[in-house]
Amino acid sequence: MDPIWLIVLLPLAAGSGWYFGHRKVIQAANHEASLLPSAYFRGLNFLLNEQHDKALDVLVGALESHGDTVDVQLALGTLFRRRGELERATTVHQNLVAREGLEPSYRLQALFELAQDYYKAGLLDRAENLLLQVRGGREIEESANQLLLQIYDQEKEWERASSIARSLQGFVNNGALDGVIAQYQCEVAEAAIAAGRYQTARSKVADALLADQDCVRALIQSGRLDALTNDHRSALAMWERVVQSRPELLDEVIGLVDQSCTMLQDKTAYQGFLERYLDRNRTSTRALMSMVDLLSSLGSGREVYRYLEDWFENNPSMVALVLLLQHRPADAGKWSTGSSQVIERMAGELVDHDDGYECRQCGFQGRAMHWQCPGCRHWNSILPRQLST
């Protein structure tokens, strides 16, 4: 045959082979796709009628009938978990893990999905074991560590949580986890203080401040450790530092300051602390109430009343009014006793309504300070509510 004909026929032969092969692929794809429109329209009809559960059932059925690929099975398991069908999700992911010849990347993904199933089911130990297996996989390392962090946080495994948080620092913004790591170290320090292991507690406080030099809780604990070892002057200096940097947390140290000044038999130091604080924070109700209590223990009731009159004139507030009414001498005149009691009760109810703490993340409210919100479990998100003035 003429070589020129070979040159012409070879491309034609190749083209015809490609055409018929491609046509078979298209026909097979069309055959599979032809199975989907009915499910699609049924699901759409349910969605239009706001029957979301039935629409999901149709989708699940379609996925199950086309579930030969690993990707589809992973998607199906995730869908089951999101619907709360944890048993079905676990079965799908267990079958994938047990499949022979599964690619390593798919196996890691299936193990991670199974760990999430266990976590949702409350089987934290099983979830932890699987997550420790898959942490080395680059594609899911960050996600695995984040879930491990949640587990250790819930189980109060603070040292392990600190280690995982440090591992995550390479994935998140610089400094984003510093405050959380500091809180974990403070939790360990708190347990050591309760057990009388003060040296261990000091070491953990130092670790907390190394992670976050502005960790107020660690500074408070440092002062407590000084006071527990009878170094009250150092403790007072530490707590003064706390209220200078975070004046809204006065409630967390004012009682400690009072105790140390009592141990030193130096009420003047306590009065000076309150005066310095009130000079900077004229609206602090706790400091004002503490000052009134201190003056009442040191002087006469009439002197306290004159102090409150002067304070109320320059810094009028509802709390100042309550205190003024409470310390008003019986012979002061102007108001009848009954009227005075009614005003005092009404003002006191307004003040009590605003007292307490609130989470800036979820709005949780309570009477006690929590370094970790019991509602959303965020750290460092709870602060005193602003009192009405």
Protein backbone atom coordinates (compact mmCIF):
# COMPACT_ATOMS: atom_id res chain seq x y z
CA MET A 1 0.00 0.00 0.00
CA ASP A 2 1.17 3.51 -0.81
CA PRO A 3 2.70 5.16 2.28
CA ILE A 4 0.62 8.26 1.54
CA TRP A 5 -2.56 6.21 2.04
CA LEU A 6 -1.18 4.96 5.35
CA ILE A 7 -0.70 8.53 6.48
CA VAL A 8 -4.34 9.33 5.60
CA LEU A 9 -5.94 6.14 7.00
CA LEU A 10 -4.15 5.96 10.36
CA PRO A 11 -5.69 9.19 11.72
CA LEU A 12 -9.11 8.07 10.43
CA ALA A 13 -8.76 4.72 12.19
CA ALA A 14 -7.71 6.39 15.42
CA GLY A 15 -10.55 8.92 15.18
CA SER A 16 -13.19 6.27 14.55
CA GLY A 17 -11.90 4.21 17.50
CA TRP A 18 -12.10 7.23 19.77
CA TYR A 19 -15.60 8.07 18.54
CA PHE A 20 -17.10 4.62 19.15
CA GLY A 21 -15.31 4.26 22.50
CA HIS A 22 -16.46 7.69 23.63
CA ARG A 23 -19.99 6.94 22.47
CA LYS A 24 -20.10 3.84 24.65
CA VAL A 25 -18.94 5.87 27.66
CA ILE A 26 -21.62 8.48 26.97
CA GLN A 27 -24.28 5.80 26.60
CA ALA A 28 -23.25 4.22 29.92
CA ALA A 29 -23.25 7.58 31.64
CA ASN A 30 -26.64 8.41 30.17
CA HIS A 31 -27.96 5.07 31.40
CA GLU A 32 -26.87 5.86 34.95
CA ALA A 33 -28.07 9.44 34.68
CA SER A 34 -31.46 8.27 33.46
CA LEU A 35 -31.98 6.74 36.87
CA LEU A 36 -31.55 10.09 38.60
CA PRO A 37 -34.20 12.45 37.18
CA SER A 38 -37.08 10.71 38.95
CA ALA A 39 -35.28 10.98 42.28
CA TYR A 40 -34.38 14.57 41.49
CA PHE A 41 -37.95 15.61 40.71
CA ARG A 42 -39.36 13.70 43.65
CA GLY A 43 -36.87 15.38 45.99
CA LEU A 44 -37.60 18.78 44.47
CA ASN A 45 -41.31 18.25 44.95
CA PHE A 46 -40.79 17.43 48.63
CA LEU A 47 -38.61 20.51 49.09
CA LEU A 48 -41.21 22.76 47.47
CA ASN A 49 -43.76 21.36 49.90
CA GLU A 50 -41.30 21.93 52.78
CA GLN A 51 -41.12 18.20 53.47
CA HIS A 52 -37.38 18.27 54.13
CA ASP A 53 -37.08 14.86 55.76
CA LYS A 54 -38.74 13.13 52.81
CA ALA A 55 -36.52 15.03 50.39
CA LEU A 56 -33.47 13.78 52.29
CA ASP A 57 -34.80 10.23 52.22
CA VAL A 58 -35.02 10.42 48.43
CA LEU A 59 -31.45 11.71 48.23
CA VAL A 60 -30.19 8.98 50.55
CA GLY A 61 -31.92 6.35 48.43
CA ALA A 62 -30.31 7.74 45.28
CA LEU A 63 -26.88 7.73 46.90
CA GLU A 64 -27.30 4.19 48.19
CA SER A 65 -28.19 2.94 44.70
CA HIS A 66 -25.09 4.60 43.27
CA GLY A 67 -22.79 3.84 46.19
CA ASP A 68 -20.03 1.84 44.56
CA THR A 69 -17.46 4.64 44.84
CA VAL A 70 -15.68 5.55 48.09
CA ASP A 71 -16.50 9.23 47.67
CA VAL A 72 -20.21 8.51 47.52
CA GLN A 73 -20.01 6.25 50.57
CA LEU A 74 -18.15 8.95 52.53
CA ALA A 75 -20.76 11.51 51.52
CA LEU A 76 -23.54 9.12 52.51
CA GLY A 77 -22.01 8.49 55.94
CA THR A 78 -21.60 12.22 56.55
CA LEU A 79 -25.22 12.79 55.59
CA PHE A 80 -26.40 10.11 58.01
CA ARG A 81 -24.37 11.70 60.83
CA ARG A 82 -25.75 15.16 60.15
CA ARG A 83 -29.26 13.74 60.25
CA GLY A 84 -28.49 12.18 63.64
CA GLU A 85 -28.56 8.63 62.28
CA LEU A 86 -25.32 7.71 63.98
CA GLU A 87 -25.79 3.94 63.74
CA ARG A 88 -26.16 4.07 59.95
CA ALA A 89 -23.24 6.49 59.63
CA THR A 90 -21.05 4.23 61.77
CA THR A 91 -21.97 1.18 59.68
CA VAL A 92 -21.07 2.93 56.42
CA HIS A 93 -17.70 4.08 57.74
CA GLN A 94 -16.88 0.74 59.40
CA ASN A 95 -17.55 -1.04 56.10
CA LEU A 96 -15.23 1.35 54.32
CA VAL A 97 -12.45 0.82 56.88
CA ALA A 98 -12.83 -2.97 56.51
CA ARG A 99 -12.74 -2.82 52.69
CA GLU A 100 -9.71 -4.61 51.22
CA GLY A 101 -7.42 -2.70 48.90
CA LEU A 102 -8.67 0.72 50.02
CA GLU A 103 -6.23 3.50 49.18
CA PRO A 104 -4.37 4.86 52.25
CA SER A 105 -5.79 8.37 51.81
CA TYR A 106 -9.34 7.02 51.68
CA ARG A 107 -8.68 4.80 54.69
CA LEU A 108 -7.49 7.78 56.73
CA GLN A 109 -10.58 9.76 55.73
CA ALA A 110 -12.87 6.84 56.64
CA LEU A 111 -11.15 6.46 60.03
CA PHE A 112 -11.56 10.18 60.69
CA GLU A 113 -15.24 10.06 59.75
CA LEU A 114 -15.70 7.05 62.04
CA ALA A 115 -14.01 8.98 64.86
CA GLN A 116 -16.52 11.78 64.35
CA ASP A 117 -19.36 9.24 64.53
CA TYR A 118 -18.03 7.97 67.86
CA TYR A 119 -17.59 11.51 69.15
CA LYS A 120 -21.17 12.43 68.29
CA ALA A 121 -22.33 9.24 70.02
CA GLY A 122 -20.41 10.17 73.18
CA LEU A 123 -17.89 7.34 72.78
CA LEU A 124 -14.93 9.61 73.48
CA ASP A 125 -12.38 6.87 74.17
CA ARG A 126 -13.03 5.19 70.81
CA ALA A 127 -12.93 8.53 69.02
CA GLU A 128 -9.65 9.41 70.73
CA ASN A 129 -8.00 6.12 69.73
CA LEU A 130 -8.93 6.59 66.08
CA LEU A 131 -7.85 10.24 66.03
CA LEU A 132 -4.44 9.32 67.42
CA GLN A 133 -4.08 6.89 64.50
CA VAL A 134 -4.90 9.45 61.79
CA ARG A 135 -3.06 12.51 63.18
CA GLY A 136 -0.11 11.86 60.86
CA GLY A 137 -2.18 12.31 57.72
CA ARG A 138 -1.41 15.79 56.41
CA GLU A 139 -4.80 16.35 54.80
CA ILE A 140 -6.72 15.75 58.02
CA GLU A 141 -4.10 16.49 60.71
CA GLU A 142 -5.54 19.87 61.64
CA SER A 143 -9.12 18.59 61.79
CA ALA A 144 -8.08 15.55 63.82
CA ASN A 145 -6.20 17.73 66.30
CA GLN A 146 -9.14 20.09 66.66
CA LEU A 147 -11.45 17.21 67.51
CA LEU A 148 -8.87 15.76 69.91
CA LEU A 149 -8.66 19.16 71.60
CA GLN A 150 -12.42 19.16 72.14
CA ILE A 151 -12.24 15.66 73.65
CA TYR A 152 -9.41 16.49 76.05
CA ASP A 153 -11.15 19.73 77.00
CA GLN A 154 -14.38 17.88 77.82
CA GLU A 155 -12.51 15.20 79.77
CA LYS A 156 -10.48 17.87 81.61
CA GLU A 157 -7.23 16.31 80.42
CA TRP A 158 -5.50 19.68 80.63
CA GLU A 159 -1.91 18.61 79.96
CA ARG A 160 -2.92 16.63 76.88
CA ALA A 161 -5.09 19.51 75.76
CA SER A 162 -2.10 21.85 76.08
CA SER A 163 0.02 19.54 73.95
CA ILE A 164 -2.60 19.32 71.20
CA ALA A 165 -3.18 23.09 71.29
CA ARG A 166 0.53 23.65 70.75
CA SER A 167 0.40 21.27 67.78
CA LEU A 168 -2.44 23.33 66.33
CA GLN A 169 -0.48 26.58 66.57
CA GLY A 170 1.18 25.72 63.27
CA PHE A 171 -2.21 25.72 61.52
CA VAL A 172 -3.97 28.75 63.05
CA ASN A 173 -3.11 32.43 63.35
CA ASN A 174 -0.14 33.21 65.56
CA GLY A 175 -1.24 33.72 69.14
CA ALA A 176 -4.82 32.54 68.60
CA LEU A 177 -4.41 29.67 71.07
CA ASP A 178 -2.05 31.34 73.56
CA GLY A 179 -4.85 32.34 75.91
CA VAL A 180 -6.38 28.85 75.78
CA ILE A 181 -3.05 27.15 76.53
CA ALA A 182 -2.56 29.53 79.46
CA GLN A 183 -5.98 28.56 80.84
CA TYR A 184 -5.12 24.86 80.59
CA GLN A 185 -1.97 25.49 82.65
CA CYS A 186 -4.02 27.49 85.16
CA GLU A 187 -6.37 24.54 85.55
CA VAL A 188 -3.42 22.30 86.42
CA ALA A 189 -2.12 24.98 88.81
CA GLU A 190 -5.52 25.22 90.50
CA ALA A 191 -5.55 21.49 91.19
CA ALA A 192 -2.00 21.71 92.56
CA ILE A 193 -2.96 24.59 94.88
CA ALA A 194 -5.92 22.61 96.21
CA ALA A 195 -3.58 19.68 96.90
CA GLY A 196 -1.02 21.88 98.67
CA ARG A 197 1.65 21.32 95.97
CA TYR A 198 2.68 24.94 95.75
CA GLN A 199 5.94 24.41 93.85
CA THR A 200 4.11 22.54 91.10
CA ALA A 201 1.49 25.27 91.05
CA ARG A 202 4.16 27.96 90.65
CA SER A 203 5.69 26.04 87.75
CA LYS A 204 2.32 25.82 85.99
CA VAL A 205 1.59 29.50 86.61
CA ALA A 206 4.95 30.31 85.04
CA ASP A 207 4.04 28.13 82.03
CA ALA A 208 0.72 29.96 81.73
CA LEU A 209 2.42 33.36 81.74
CA LEU A 210 4.96 32.07 79.22
CA ALA A 211 2.08 31.23 76.89
CA ASP A 212 0.19 34.45 77.61
CA GLN A 213 1.99 37.12 79.60
CA ASP A 214 -1.29 38.97 80.17
CA CYS A 215 -3.18 35.99 81.59
CA VAL A 216 -5.05 37.58 84.49
CA ARG A 217 -5.98 34.27 86.04
CA ALA A 218 -2.30 33.29 86.28
CA LEU A 219 -1.48 36.65 87.90
CA ILE A 220 -4.24 36.12 90.46
CA GLN A 221 -2.94 32.62 91.19
CA SER A 222 0.58 33.97 91.56
CA GLY A 223 -0.66 36.39 94.21
CA ARG A 224 -2.55 33.61 95.96
CA LEU A 225 0.60 31.50 96.10
CA ASP A 226 2.50 34.43 97.61
CA ALA A 227 -0.22 34.86 100.24
CA LEU A 228 -0.26 31.13 101.02
CA THR A 229 3.47 31.33 101.78
CA ASN A 230 2.93 34.47 103.93
CA ASP A 231 4.47 36.88 101.42
CA HIS A 232 1.45 39.18 101.58
CA ARG A 233 3.24 42.31 100.33
CA SER A 234 4.17 40.55 97.09
CA ALA A 235 0.62 39.25 96.82
CA LEU A 236 -0.80 42.78 97.19
CA ALA A 237 1.56 44.08 94.49
CA MET A 238 0.44 41.30 92.13
CA TRP A 239 -3.27 41.99 92.70
CA GLU A 240 -2.70 45.72 92.23
CA ARG A 241 -1.22 44.84 88.84
CA VAL A 242 -4.33 42.80 88.02
CA VAL A 243 -6.80 45.62 88.66
CA GLN A 244 -4.62 48.12 86.80
CA SER A 245 -4.69 46.00 83.64
CA ARG A 246 -8.21 44.55 84.02
CA PRO A 247 -10.24 46.82 86.32
CA GLU A 248 -13.46 44.99 85.48
CA LEU A 249 -12.11 41.96 87.38
CA LEU A 250 -11.89 43.75 90.73
CA ASP A 251 -14.36 41.27 92.23
CA GLU A 252 -11.86 38.45 91.73
CA VAL A 253 -9.17 40.08 93.90
CA ILE A 254 -10.83 42.50 96.30
CA GLY A 255 -11.58 39.80 98.86
CA LEU A 256 -8.02 38.51 98.59
CA VAL A 257 -6.65 42.02 99.15
CA ASP A 258 -8.84 42.39 102.23
CA GLN A 259 -7.61 39.05 103.63
CA SER A 260 -3.93 39.87 103.12
CA CYS A 261 -4.32 43.34 104.66
CA THR A 262 -6.07 41.70 107.63
CA MET A 263 -3.19 39.23 108.01
CA LEU A 264 -0.76 42.18 107.92
CA GLN A 265 -3.01 44.06 110.37
CA ASP A 266 -2.86 46.95 107.93
CA LYS A 267 -6.32 48.27 107.12
CA THR A 268 -4.69 51.46 105.88
CA ALA A 269 -3.19 49.49 103.00
CA TYR A 270 -6.64 48.16 102.14
CA GLN A 271 -8.13 51.66 102.27
CA GLY A 272 -5.35 52.95 100.03
CA PHE A 273 -6.02 50.15 97.53
CA LEU A 274 -9.72 51.06 97.41
CA GLU A 275 -9.01 54.80 97.11
CA ARG A 276 -6.59 54.29 94.21
CA TYR A 277 -9.07 52.06 92.45
CA LEU A 278 -11.99 54.45 92.96
CA ASP A 279 -9.91 57.35 91.66
CA ARG A 280 -9.56 55.49 88.35
CA ASN A 281 -13.01 53.85 88.28
CA ARG A 282 -15.65 56.13 89.70
CA THR A 283 -18.49 53.81 88.67
CA SER A 284 -17.21 50.69 90.49
CA THR A 285 -20.04 49.60 92.76
CA ARG A 286 -18.09 46.77 94.42
CA ALA A 287 -15.22 49.10 95.38
CA LEU A 288 -17.64 51.71 96.72
CA MET A 289 -19.52 49.13 98.78
CA SER A 290 -16.24 47.77 100.15
CA MET A 291 -15.06 51.25 101.04
CA VAL A 292 -18.31 51.91 102.90
CA ASP A 293 -17.94 48.63 104.81
CA LEU A 294 -14.36 49.51 105.71
CA LEU A 295 -15.25 53.04 106.85
CA SER A 296 -18.12 51.64 108.90
CA SER A 297 -15.70 49.34 110.74
CA LEU A 298 -13.24 52.18 111.36
CA GLY A 299 -15.47 55.20 112.11
CA SER A 300 -18.91 56.40 113.07
CA GLY A 301 -22.06 55.97 111.03
CA ARG A 302 -22.40 59.73 110.58
CA GLU A 303 -18.92 59.93 109.02
CA VAL A 304 -19.89 57.19 106.59
CA TYR A 305 -23.05 59.08 105.68
CA ARG A 306 -21.09 62.30 105.03
CA TYR A 307 -18.69 60.32 102.80
CA LEU A 308 -21.64 58.92 100.85
CA GLU A 309 -23.32 62.33 100.56
CA ASP A 310 -20.15 63.74 99.02
CA TRP A 311 -19.77 60.72 96.76
CA PHE A 312 -23.37 60.84 95.56
CA GLU A 313 -23.12 64.55 94.81
CA ASN A 314 -20.06 64.04 92.60
CA ASN A 315 -20.84 60.54 91.28
CA PRO A 316 -24.61 60.01 91.28
CA SER A 317 -25.63 56.40 90.71
CA MET A 318 -28.33 53.98 91.77
CA VAL A 319 -25.90 52.03 93.96
CA ALA A 320 -24.70 55.19 95.67
CA LEU A 321 -28.33 56.07 96.37
CA VAL A 322 -28.97 52.64 97.92
CA LEU A 323 -25.94 52.99 100.18
CA LEU A 324 -26.91 56.54 101.10
CA LEU A 325 -30.37 55.36 102.13
CA GLN A 326 -28.98 52.42 104.06
CA HIS A 327 -26.62 54.62 106.10
CA ARG A 328 -28.94 57.56 106.55
CA PRO A 329 -29.13 58.56 110.24
CA ALA A 330 -32.51 58.23 111.89
CA ASP A 331 -32.64 61.97 112.68
CA ALA A 332 -31.74 63.13 109.17
CA GLY A 333 -35.32 64.23 108.41
CA LYS A 334 -36.73 65.05 104.95
CA TRP A 335 -38.05 61.52 104.18
CA SER A 336 -40.44 59.53 106.28
CA THR A 337 -39.20 56.13 107.41
CA GLY A 338 -41.77 54.37 105.22
CA SER A 339 -40.86 56.35 102.10
CA SER A 340 -37.17 55.76 102.70
CA GLN A 341 -37.71 52.00 102.94
CA VAL A 342 -39.77 51.92 99.73
CA ILE A 343 -37.12 53.89 97.79
CA GLU A 344 -34.36 51.69 99.17
CA ARG A 345 -36.20 48.49 98.21
CA MET A 346 -36.93 49.67 94.66
CA ALA A 347 -33.38 50.87 94.09
CA GLY A 348 -31.98 47.65 95.51
CA GLU A 349 -34.10 45.58 93.11
CA LEU A 350 -32.75 47.55 90.15
CA VAL A 351 -29.17 47.01 91.28
CA ASP A 352 -29.66 43.28 91.94
CA HIS A 353 -31.18 42.88 88.46
CA ASP A 354 -27.89 43.92 86.86
CA ASP A 355 -25.54 41.99 89.14
CA GLY A 356 -23.54 38.97 87.93
CA TYR A 357 -21.54 37.79 84.93
CA GLU A 358 -22.25 37.32 81.23
CA CYS A 359 -20.56 35.46 78.37
CA ARG A 360 -19.66 37.72 75.47
CA GLN A 361 -19.94 34.77 73.06
CA CYS A 362 -23.28 33.11 73.84
CA GLY A 363 -24.92 35.39 76.42
CA PHE A 364 -24.78 32.87 79.29
CA GLN A 365 -25.47 34.63 82.61
CA GLY A 366 -24.58 33.58 86.14
CA ARG A 367 -23.69 34.82 89.58
CA ALA A 368 -20.23 33.25 89.73
CA MET A 369 -17.14 33.87 87.60
CA HIS A 370 -16.24 31.08 85.16
CA TRP A 371 -13.00 31.18 83.21
CA GLN A 372 -14.63 28.78 80.72
CA CYS A 373 -18.24 29.45 79.79
CA PRO A 374 -20.51 26.55 80.87
CA GLY A 375 -22.74 27.31 77.88
CA CYS A 376 -20.52 27.61 74.80
CA ARG A 377 -17.28 26.38 76.46
CA HIS A 378 -15.30 29.37 75.24
CA TRP A 379 -12.38 30.45 77.41
CA ASN A 380 -11.92 34.05 78.61
CA SER A 381 -15.35 35.08 77.34
CA ILE A 382 -17.13 35.79 80.65
CA LEU A 383 -17.02 39.27 82.18
CA PRO A 384 -19.04 41.11 84.83
CA ARG A 385 -22.27 42.64 83.55
CA GLN A 386 -22.30 46.40 83.44
CA LEU A 387 -24.30 47.73 86.36
CA SER A 388 -26.85 50.47 85.91
CA THR A 389 -25.59 53.77 87.25
